[in-house]
Amino acid sequence: MKRLALIRHADASRDNPALKDFDRPLTNTGKNNALKMASAAAADYSSAPLIITSPALRAISTAQIFASALAVQPIEIVKDMCIYDASAGSLLHLINHLVDDDQPVLLFGHNPGLSTLAHCFADMPFYELPTCAVLELEFPHSRWQEVVPGSATVLRYRHP
């Protein structure tokens, strides 16, 4: 069985129009929500998960808050540029090429790609993943390359 959590970055500021979208920081609400959601997630993992994130500031900041709660060292966070502005197809390609081990995976990214991917995997209780939402999925496969649309079971869906 493979476990995957799709996590949308926490709320990000739009206060500074001079900032590039890539460089938008988390708001105070976003930081607080990430702390709350990370704390809830910590109870769900008996071993440290693999954390993969978009390198956009809001995504990596969210991933770092989760890493701290899950006892994952910041140096272990994998940053992948292809997650930023990725389509569902690109995200599935990334998932299908993960290393096969027993470690659960937390994937931090952006909409619309994450929401579209979630809907490809199973029936969802949402139209769009809200900021800092955590969707935990399980797949009945032993290899990531076997993960295909329609093959997931929703374990948990949490949002602030």
Protein backbone atom coordinates (compact mmCIF):
# COMPACT_ATOMS: atom_id res chain seq x y z
CA MET A 1 0.00 0.00 0.00
CA LYS A 2 1.14 3.51 -0.80
CA ARG A 3 0.15 6.57 1.23
CA LEU A 4 0.12 10.07 -0.24
CA ALA A 5 -1.01 13.36 1.27
CA LEU A 6 -1.80 16.24 -1.06
CA ILE A 7 -1.36 19.49 0.85
CA ARG A 8 -2.13 22.89 -0.56
CA HIS A 9 0.10 25.67 0.76
CA ALA A 10 -1.28 27.84 3.57
CA ASP A 11 -2.78 31.29 3.01
CA ALA A 12 -0.33 33.65 1.29
CA SER A 13 -0.16 37.41 1.20
CA ARG A 14 -1.17 39.46 -1.82
CA ASP A 15 -0.38 42.75 -0.05
CA ASN A 16 2.73 43.59 -2.06
CA PRO A 17 1.92 43.82 -5.78
CA ALA A 18 5.65 44.23 -6.53
CA LEU A 19 6.33 40.66 -5.38
CA LYS A 20 6.36 37.90 -7.95
CA ASP A 21 3.74 35.19 -7.35
CA PHE A 22 6.59 32.77 -6.59
CA ASP A 23 7.82 34.97 -3.70
CA ARG A 24 4.56 35.53 -1.80
CA PRO A 25 4.99 34.82 1.94
CA LEU A 26 2.49 33.21 4.28
CA THR A 27 0.11 35.49 6.16
CA ASN A 28 -0.14 35.23 9.94
CA THR A 29 -3.37 33.28 9.43
CA GLY A 30 -1.53 30.98 7.03
CA LYS A 31 1.25 30.34 9.55
CA ASN A 32 -1.27 29.62 12.32
CA ASN A 33 -3.30 27.29 10.11
CA ALA A 34 -0.16 25.45 9.03
CA LEU A 35 0.86 24.96 12.68
CA LYS A 36 -2.61 23.63 13.52
CA MET A 37 -2.77 21.28 10.52
CA ALA A 38 0.81 20.07 11.04
CA SER A 39 0.05 19.26 14.66
CA ALA A 40 -2.98 17.21 13.60
CA ALA A 41 -0.94 15.42 10.94
CA ALA A 42 1.80 14.51 13.42
CA ALA A 43 -0.55 12.04 15.11
CA ASP A 44 -1.09 10.23 11.78
CA TYR A 45 2.53 9.25 11.08
CA SER A 46 4.52 6.75 13.11
CA SER A 47 7.57 7.26 10.89
CA ALA A 48 8.93 10.33 9.16
CA PRO A 49 7.34 10.89 5.74
CA LEU A 50 9.05 12.03 2.57
CA ILE A 51 8.23 15.71 2.05
CA ILE A 52 8.23 17.03 -1.50
CA THR A 53 7.33 20.65 -2.19
CA SER A 54 7.11 23.34 -4.76
CA PRO A 55 9.97 25.78 -4.14
CA ALA A 56 7.55 28.74 -4.14
CA LEU A 57 7.94 30.57 -0.81
CA ARG A 58 4.38 29.90 0.39
CA ALA A 59 4.64 26.16 -0.34
CA ILE A 60 8.09 25.64 1.12
CA SER A 61 7.16 27.66 4.22
CA THR A 62 4.14 25.41 4.75
CA ALA A 63 6.25 22.29 4.18
CA GLN A 64 8.84 23.50 6.71
CA ILE A 65 6.16 23.94 9.39
CA PHE A 66 4.92 20.38 8.74
CA ALA A 67 8.50 19.05 8.71
CA SER A 68 9.13 20.50 12.14
CA ALA A 69 6.00 18.84 13.55
CA LEU A 70 6.86 15.51 11.89
CA ALA A 71 10.53 15.42 12.98
CA VAL A 72 11.81 15.79 9.41
CA GLN A 73 15.01 17.79 9.10
CA PRO A 74 14.77 20.84 6.79
CA ILE A 75 17.66 19.49 4.71
CA GLU A 76 15.53 16.39 3.93
CA ILE A 77 12.74 18.40 2.26
CA VAL A 78 12.78 17.77 -1.47
CA LYS A 79 12.13 20.86 -3.60
CA ASP A 80 10.89 20.22 -7.12
CA MET A 81 10.30 23.13 -9.52
CA CYS A 82 7.94 21.04 -11.64
CA ILE A 83 5.32 21.24 -8.83
CA TYR A 84 5.00 25.01 -9.19
CA ASP A 85 2.16 25.69 -11.65
CA ALA A 86 1.92 21.95 -12.41
CA SER A 87 -0.99 20.26 -14.11
CA ALA A 88 -2.55 17.12 -12.65
CA GLY A 89 -0.75 15.12 -15.36
CA SER A 90 2.63 16.54 -14.36
CA LEU A 91 1.96 15.78 -10.70
CA LEU A 92 0.92 12.21 -11.52
CA HIS A 93 4.12 11.81 -13.54
CA LEU A 94 6.14 12.95 -10.52
CA ILE A 95 4.27 10.49 -8.25
CA ASN A 96 4.76 7.62 -10.70
CA HIS A 97 8.52 8.20 -10.56
CA LEU A 98 8.95 8.25 -6.77
CA VAL A 99 11.33 5.76 -5.18
CA ASP A 100 9.47 2.67 -3.97
CA ASP A 101 9.85 2.34 -0.22
CA ASP A 102 7.40 2.17 2.68
CA GLN A 103 7.68 5.87 3.49
CA PRO A 104 4.47 7.89 3.15
CA VAL A 105 4.74 10.97 0.92
CA LEU A 106 3.52 14.50 1.62
CA LEU A 107 3.26 16.60 -1.54
CA PHE A 108 2.95 20.37 -1.05
CA GLY A 109 1.75 22.40 -3.98
CA HIS A 110 -0.80 24.64 -5.60
CA ASN A 111 -4.20 24.77 -7.20
CA PRO A 112 -5.59 24.06 -9.68
CA GLY A 113 -3.21 21.11 -10.17
CA LEU A 114 -3.63 19.56 -6.71
CA SER A 115 -7.42 19.78 -6.75
CA THR A 116 -7.65 18.37 -10.26
CA LEU A 117 -5.33 15.50 -9.33
CA ALA A 118 -7.37 14.74 -6.21
CA HIS A 119 -10.54 14.49 -8.28
CA CYS A 120 -8.77 12.13 -10.69
CA PHE A 121 -7.89 9.75 -7.84
CA ALA A 122 -11.31 9.41 -6.15
CA ASP A 123 -14.63 11.09 -5.42
CA MET A 124 -13.84 14.13 -3.29
CA PRO A 125 -15.82 15.99 -0.63
CA PHE A 126 -14.74 19.33 -2.12
CA TYR A 127 -14.63 21.17 -5.40
CA GLU A 128 -11.30 22.87 -4.71
CA LEU A 129 -8.76 22.18 -1.96
CA PRO A 130 -8.77 25.16 0.40
CA THR A 131 -5.48 26.65 1.53
CA CYS A 132 -3.66 24.40 4.01
CA ALA A 133 -6.04 21.50 3.38
CA VAL A 134 -4.60 18.01 3.87
CA LEU A 135 -5.98 15.16 1.79
CA GLU A 136 -4.57 11.76 2.73
CA LEU A 137 -4.93 8.99 0.16
CA GLU A 138 -4.08 5.32 0.13
CA PHE A 139 -3.41 3.25 -2.97
CA PRO A 140 -3.60 -0.56 -3.14
CA HIS A 141 -0.28 -0.75 -4.96
CA SER A 142 3.24 -1.75 -3.98
CA ARG A 143 4.89 0.53 -6.54
CA TRP A 144 4.34 4.22 -7.25
CA GLN A 145 4.37 3.61 -11.00
CA GLU A 146 1.15 1.58 -10.55
CA VAL A 147 -0.75 4.58 -9.14
CA VAL A 148 -3.41 5.61 -11.66
CA PRO A 149 -6.54 7.75 -11.66
CA GLY A 150 -9.46 6.16 -9.83
CA SER A 151 -7.27 3.95 -7.64
CA ALA A 152 -7.23 5.87 -4.35
CA THR A 153 -9.14 5.55 -1.12
CA VAL A 154 -9.56 8.74 0.91
CA LEU A 155 -8.18 8.19 4.41
CA ARG A 156 -8.64 11.71 5.76
CA TYR A 157 -9.57 15.15 4.59
CA ARG A 158 -8.84 18.05 6.92
CA HIS A 159 -8.85 21.78 6.44
CA PRO A 160 -8.51 24.75 8.78
